[in-house]
Amino acid sequence: MDQSHLSTALADRFEQLPQQLQAAARWVLDHPADVALLTTREQAKRAGLSPATLTRLAQRFGLAGYDELRAIHAATLRQRPEGFAGRAGELMQRHGDEGAGAIAQDMFAALAEHLRALREPEALARFEHAAALLAEAQTVFCFGLRSSFPAAYMLDYIRDLIGADSVLADGAGGRGIDALRRIGPGDALFAVSVAPYTRLTLQAAALAKAKGAKLIALTDSPLSPLAAIADAALLVRTETPSFFHSMTPAFAAVECLAALMTARKGSAALAGIARHEAELEAAGTFLQPRAAKRGRK
């Protein structure tokens, strides 16, 4: 059963359902994106129902449970129009049908669910492994293009802040991958790419591996070509009701990774931060608050 057939069945049999199941059916029909992206518990909370009621609704329509109903909606979400133009057209249609508030609510709900997924035990174990590799590396080369560039930049920025050797291969003038000529055993490449995957990032990852460096990948699926060859892979979800993939979970992942990496480096990181702050203060980089004026006696 696909979402279209399920929605038709819910609508056709709506009047025959008990009152509680009608409320559950109305939730499913009115919030398809939430059904796909939110946990059963969160959906029940928002719908003012119990999780058991959602389960009974799914079973009433021949499904094993509510997780199967959610999977049907998730499959439909993954089958959205290919390309930004097609998804933008879908977004505009929905804007006209449901209004801006519904889209904004679903956007933030999707982001909250993506961030929640990063707290799962398996995800946390991935963070610990990746942080260990980055803390042990002599030099970390950071590589990310297009929408992935800010995440790569952030890790490079924080490594510089703590006094750890780092190279941002930013691709200015098309020379970004040239920086990897210096990478070798004892180093690491932090590579960021989500679907649609950037060809040059995959080439950079393959080059780093060939030179004996560790590869830490920040990507969106265990089936990603980056994840397939990585020594450590951090997985973030990117789908939202918008036409463009979300990079918010990737930024959150880098902030967490940087915190764990810094904690592992210990006193060396503290000394690096102290030197960095002293240099910034000497250079007058940031505005300083004015001293409070003394009151007249």
Protein backbone atom coordinates (compact mmCIF):
# COMPACT_ATOMS: atom_id res chain seq x y z
CA MET A 1 0.00 0.00 0.00
CA ASP A 2 1.31 3.45 -0.89
CA GLN A 3 0.40 6.79 0.67
CA SER A 4 -2.14 7.66 -2.00
CA HIS A 5 -4.11 4.44 -1.47
CA LEU A 6 -3.84 4.76 2.30
CA SER A 7 -5.11 8.35 2.26
CA THR A 8 -8.03 7.32 0.05
CA ALA A 9 -8.90 4.47 2.40
CA LEU A 10 -8.73 6.75 5.45
CA ALA A 11 -11.04 9.29 3.80
CA ASP A 12 -13.52 6.69 2.51
CA ARG A 13 -13.88 4.89 5.84
CA PHE A 14 -13.58 7.96 8.05
CA GLU A 15 -17.26 8.08 9.08
CA GLN A 16 -17.22 4.42 10.14
CA LEU A 17 -14.30 4.90 12.53
CA PRO A 18 -14.70 5.37 16.31
CA GLN A 19 -14.23 8.94 17.51
CA GLN A 20 -10.64 8.44 18.69
CA LEU A 21 -9.60 6.77 15.45
CA GLN A 22 -11.26 9.59 13.51
CA ALA A 23 -9.02 12.04 15.35
CA ALA A 24 -5.99 9.90 14.49
CA ALA A 25 -7.05 9.62 10.84
CA ARG A 26 -7.52 13.39 10.65
CA TRP A 27 -3.98 13.87 11.98
CA VAL A 28 -2.52 11.53 9.37
CA LEU A 29 -4.44 13.15 6.51
CA ASP A 30 -3.67 16.72 7.60
CA HIS A 31 0.03 16.28 8.50
CA PRO A 32 1.69 13.92 5.98
CA ALA A 33 5.16 15.46 6.41
CA ASP A 34 4.96 15.15 10.21
CA VAL A 35 3.89 11.52 9.87
CA ALA A 36 7.00 10.83 7.80
CA LEU A 37 9.49 12.77 9.91
CA LEU A 38 8.39 12.76 13.56
CA THR A 39 8.47 9.95 16.10
CA THR A 40 5.22 8.23 17.01
CA ARG A 41 5.42 9.64 20.53
CA GLU A 42 5.86 13.21 19.28
CA GLN A 43 2.99 12.83 16.82
CA ALA A 44 0.71 11.51 19.52
CA LYS A 45 1.60 14.49 21.71
CA ARG A 46 0.85 16.99 18.95
CA ALA A 47 -2.39 15.26 17.97
CA GLY A 48 -3.55 15.04 21.60
CA LEU A 49 -3.79 11.25 21.37
CA SER A 50 -2.04 8.25 22.87
CA PRO A 51 0.56 6.32 20.85
CA ALA A 52 -1.67 3.26 21.24
CA THR A 53 -4.45 5.06 19.36
CA LEU A 54 -2.15 5.69 16.41
CA THR A 55 -1.14 2.03 16.48
CA ARG A 56 -4.80 0.92 16.46
CA LEU A 57 -5.49 3.14 13.48
CA ALA A 58 -2.68 1.54 11.49
CA GLN A 59 -3.83 -1.95 12.42
CA ARG A 60 -7.41 -1.06 11.47
CA PHE A 61 -6.16 -0.61 7.91
CA GLY A 62 -4.22 -3.84 7.75
CA LEU A 63 -0.77 -2.56 8.78
CA ALA A 64 1.47 -4.19 11.39
CA GLY A 65 1.72 -0.96 13.38
CA TYR A 66 2.18 2.78 13.18
CA ASP A 67 5.84 2.44 12.21
CA GLU A 68 4.70 0.81 8.97
CA LEU A 69 2.33 3.72 8.35
CA ARG A 70 5.18 6.15 8.97
CA ALA A 71 7.40 4.21 6.56
CA ILE A 72 4.78 4.55 3.81
CA HIS A 73 4.77 8.33 4.25
CA ALA A 74 8.58 8.46 4.43
CA ALA A 75 8.83 6.56 1.15
CA THR A 76 6.56 9.11 -0.50
CA LEU A 77 8.68 11.96 0.88
CA ARG A 78 11.81 10.37 -0.60
CA GLN A 79 10.05 10.09 -3.96
CA ARG A 80 9.47 13.83 -4.24
CA PRO A 81 10.31 15.47 -7.59
CA GLU A 82 13.96 15.25 -8.56
CA GLY A 83 15.95 18.46 -8.74
CA PHE A 84 15.50 21.79 -7.02
CA ALA A 85 13.10 23.16 -9.64
CA GLY A 86 10.64 20.30 -9.28
CA ARG A 87 10.65 20.48 -5.48
CA ALA A 88 10.33 24.28 -5.56
CA GLY A 89 7.19 23.91 -7.65
CA GLU A 90 5.81 21.45 -5.11
CA LEU A 91 6.64 23.90 -2.30
CA MET A 92 4.81 26.74 -4.03
CA GLN A 93 1.77 24.55 -4.57
CA ARG A 94 1.70 23.66 -0.91
CA HIS A 95 2.16 27.31 0.06
CA GLY A 96 -0.97 28.12 -1.89
CA ASP A 97 -2.94 25.20 -0.44
CA GLU A 98 -1.88 25.29 3.21
CA GLY A 99 -0.22 28.65 3.81
CA ALA A 100 3.13 29.80 5.15
CA GLY A 101 2.46 28.78 8.75
CA ALA A 102 2.06 25.10 7.92
CA ILE A 103 5.30 25.02 5.96
CA ALA A 104 7.25 26.85 8.68
CA GLN A 105 5.88 24.54 11.38
CA ASP A 106 6.80 21.44 9.39
CA MET A 107 10.26 22.82 8.62
CA PHE A 108 11.12 23.29 12.29
CA ALA A 109 9.52 19.98 13.24
CA ALA A 110 11.69 18.18 10.68
CA LEU A 111 14.85 19.90 11.93
CA ALA A 112 14.02 19.04 15.53
CA GLU A 113 13.60 15.38 14.60
CA HIS A 114 16.89 15.35 12.66
CA LEU A 115 18.73 16.81 15.66
CA ARG A 116 17.06 14.32 18.00
CA ALA A 117 18.37 11.47 15.83
CA LEU A 118 21.94 12.64 16.51
CA ARG A 119 21.43 11.76 20.20
CA GLU A 120 20.84 8.06 19.53
CA PRO A 121 23.47 5.72 21.02
CA GLU A 122 24.74 4.59 17.60
CA ALA A 123 25.16 8.19 16.46
CA LEU A 124 27.00 9.14 19.68
CA ALA A 125 29.39 6.23 19.21
CA ARG A 126 30.16 7.52 15.72
CA PHE A 127 30.93 10.96 17.14
CA GLU A 128 33.32 9.52 19.73
CA HIS A 129 35.20 7.53 17.08
CA ALA A 130 35.45 10.48 14.68
CA ALA A 131 36.61 12.83 17.46
CA ALA A 132 39.35 10.41 18.44
CA LEU A 133 40.67 10.25 14.88
CA LEU A 134 40.65 14.04 14.55
CA ALA A 135 42.35 14.56 17.92
CA GLU A 136 45.12 12.10 17.02
CA ALA A 137 45.76 13.44 13.51
CA GLN A 138 48.87 15.54 12.91
CA THR A 139 47.10 17.76 10.38
CA VAL A 140 43.43 17.73 9.43
CA PHE A 141 42.51 18.80 5.90
CA CYS A 142 38.93 20.10 5.69
CA PHE A 143 37.11 19.74 2.39
CA GLY A 144 33.53 20.66 1.50
CA LEU A 145 32.06 22.31 -1.57
CA ARG A 146 28.89 24.22 -2.38
CA SER A 147 26.35 23.92 0.48
CA SER A 148 28.78 21.69 2.41
CA PHE A 149 31.52 24.33 2.54
CA PRO A 150 30.36 26.09 5.76
CA ALA A 151 30.52 22.84 7.74
CA ALA A 152 34.08 22.15 6.57
CA TYR A 153 35.03 25.79 7.26
CA MET A 154 33.65 25.57 10.81
CA LEU A 155 35.82 22.61 11.77
CA ASP A 156 38.91 24.27 10.29
CA TYR A 157 38.11 27.49 12.18
CA ILE A 158 37.78 25.69 15.51
CA ARG A 159 40.95 23.64 15.00
CA ASP A 160 42.85 26.86 14.37
CA LEU A 161 41.30 28.32 17.53
CA ILE A 162 42.67 25.46 19.66
CA GLY A 163 46.10 25.55 18.02
CA ALA A 164 45.72 22.28 16.09
CA ASP A 165 47.21 22.01 12.60
CA SER A 166 44.51 22.41 9.99
CA VAL A 167 44.23 23.14 6.28
CA LEU A 168 41.04 24.43 4.64
CA ALA A 169 41.03 23.19 1.05
CA ASP A 170 38.50 25.77 -0.07
CA GLY A 171 38.83 25.39 -3.82
CA ALA A 172 39.43 29.07 -4.62
CA GLY A 173 40.31 29.23 -8.30
CA GLY A 174 39.76 25.48 -8.55
CA ARG A 175 42.93 24.66 -6.59
CA GLY A 176 41.32 23.23 -3.46
CA ILE A 177 42.28 19.63 -4.13
CA ASP A 178 45.90 20.72 -4.72
CA ALA A 179 46.31 21.13 -0.95
CA LEU A 180 45.96 17.37 -0.58
CA ARG A 181 49.34 16.83 -2.22
CA ARG A 182 50.75 17.34 1.29
CA ILE A 183 48.45 14.85 3.02
CA GLY A 184 49.85 11.52 4.19
CA PRO A 185 49.94 8.90 6.94
CA GLY A 186 49.25 10.46 10.31
CA ASP A 187 46.94 13.08 8.75
CA ALA A 188 43.18 13.07 8.28
CA LEU A 189 40.71 14.42 5.74
CA PHE A 190 37.41 15.77 7.04
CA ALA A 191 35.13 15.63 3.99
CA VAL A 192 31.55 16.88 3.82
CA SER A 193 29.06 16.06 1.08
CA VAL A 194 25.34 15.23 0.92
CA ALA A 195 23.17 14.23 -2.01
CA PRO A 196 23.61 15.26 -4.75
CA TYR A 197 27.24 14.36 -3.98
CA THR A 198 29.96 16.62 -5.37
CA ARG A 199 32.32 14.78 -7.71
CA LEU A 200 35.44 16.68 -6.62
CA THR A 201 34.81 15.87 -2.93
CA LEU A 202 34.71 12.16 -3.74
CA GLN A 203 37.94 12.52 -5.70
CA ALA A 204 39.56 14.28 -2.75
CA ALA A 205 38.45 11.49 -0.42
CA ALA A 206 39.87 8.80 -2.70
CA LEU A 207 43.17 10.69 -2.99
CA ALA A 208 43.49 11.08 0.78
CA LYS A 209 42.86 7.37 1.32
CA ALA A 210 45.40 6.46 -1.36
CA LYS A 211 48.00 8.56 0.47
CA GLY A 212 47.40 6.73 3.74
CA ALA A 213 45.37 9.39 5.55
CA LYS A 214 42.30 8.71 7.65
CA LEU A 215 38.95 9.78 6.19
CA ILE A 216 36.27 11.25 8.45
CA ALA A 217 33.10 11.79 6.42
CA LEU A 218 30.09 13.94 7.26
CA THR A 219 27.35 12.77 4.94
CA ASP A 220 23.68 11.83 4.76
CA SER A 221 23.44 8.07 4.35
CA PRO A 222 25.32 4.85 5.07
CA LEU A 223 24.99 4.25 1.32
CA SER A 224 26.73 7.53 0.50
CA PRO A 225 29.89 7.04 -1.60
CA LEU A 226 31.79 8.93 1.11
CA ALA A 227 30.53 6.68 3.89
CA ALA A 228 31.48 3.60 1.88
CA ILE A 229 35.22 4.41 2.11
CA ALA A 230 35.37 6.40 5.37
CA ASP A 231 37.25 5.34 8.50
CA ALA A 232 34.53 7.16 10.45
CA ALA A 233 31.22 8.41 9.06
CA LEU A 234 28.87 10.87 10.73
CA LEU A 235 25.37 10.62 9.28
CA VAL A 236 22.95 13.55 9.22
CA ARG A 237 19.49 13.74 7.71
CA THR A 238 18.79 16.52 5.24
CA GLU A 239 15.19 16.15 4.03
CA THR A 240 12.68 18.91 4.83
CA PRO A 241 9.40 20.18 3.37
CA SER A 242 11.47 22.81 1.54
CA PHE A 243 12.88 22.40 -1.96
CA PHE A 244 16.48 22.61 -0.64
CA HIS A 245 18.19 20.12 1.62
CA SER A 246 18.94 21.22 5.18
CA MET A 247 22.51 21.65 6.39
CA THR A 248 21.47 22.59 9.94
CA PRO A 249 22.09 19.06 11.31
CA ALA A 250 25.53 19.10 9.66
CA PHE A 251 26.45 22.33 11.45
CA ALA A 252 25.24 20.87 14.76
CA ALA A 253 27.27 17.74 14.12
CA VAL A 254 30.45 19.77 13.53
CA GLU A 255 29.92 21.76 16.71
CA CYS A 256 29.55 18.56 18.73
CA LEU A 257 32.51 16.94 16.97
CA ALA A 258 34.69 19.97 17.65
CA ALA A 259 33.76 19.96 21.34
CA LEU A 260 34.66 16.29 21.71
CA MET A 261 37.90 16.75 19.76
CA THR A 262 38.90 19.73 21.92
CA ALA A 263 38.20 17.85 25.14
CA ARG A 264 40.40 14.98 23.93
CA LYS A 265 43.32 17.32 23.18
CA GLY A 266 43.22 18.58 26.77
CA SER A 267 45.95 20.95 27.96
CA ALA A 268 47.33 21.46 24.44
CA ALA A 269 43.95 22.83 23.38
CA LEU A 270 43.77 25.10 26.43
CA ALA A 271 47.19 26.55 25.66
CA GLY A 272 46.24 27.05 22.02
CA ILE A 273 43.04 28.86 22.93
CA ALA A 274 44.92 31.14 25.33
CA ARG A 275 47.47 32.07 22.63
CA HIS A 276 44.71 32.67 20.09
CA GLU A 277 42.72 34.91 22.41
CA ALA A 278 45.80 36.92 23.36
CA GLU A 279 46.64 37.52 19.69
CA LEU A 280 43.07 38.54 18.86
CA GLU A 281 43.01 40.96 21.77
CA ALA A 282 46.35 42.46 20.78
CA ALA A 283 45.10 42.95 17.24
CA GLY A 284 41.89 44.61 18.43
CA THR A 285 39.82 42.12 16.46
CA PHE A 286 36.66 42.45 18.52
CA LEU A 287 34.87 45.45 19.93
CA GLN A 288 35.39 45.76 23.65
CA PRO A 289 32.64 47.08 25.94
CA ARG A 290 33.30 50.59 27.11
CA ALA A 291 34.29 51.00 30.74
CA ALA A 292 31.43 52.28 32.85
CA LYS A 293 31.69 56.01 33.56
CA ARG A 294 32.17 56.95 37.15
CA GLY A 295 29.30 58.84 38.67
CA ARG A 296 29.85 62.31 39.98
CA LYS A 297 30.33 62.67 43.70
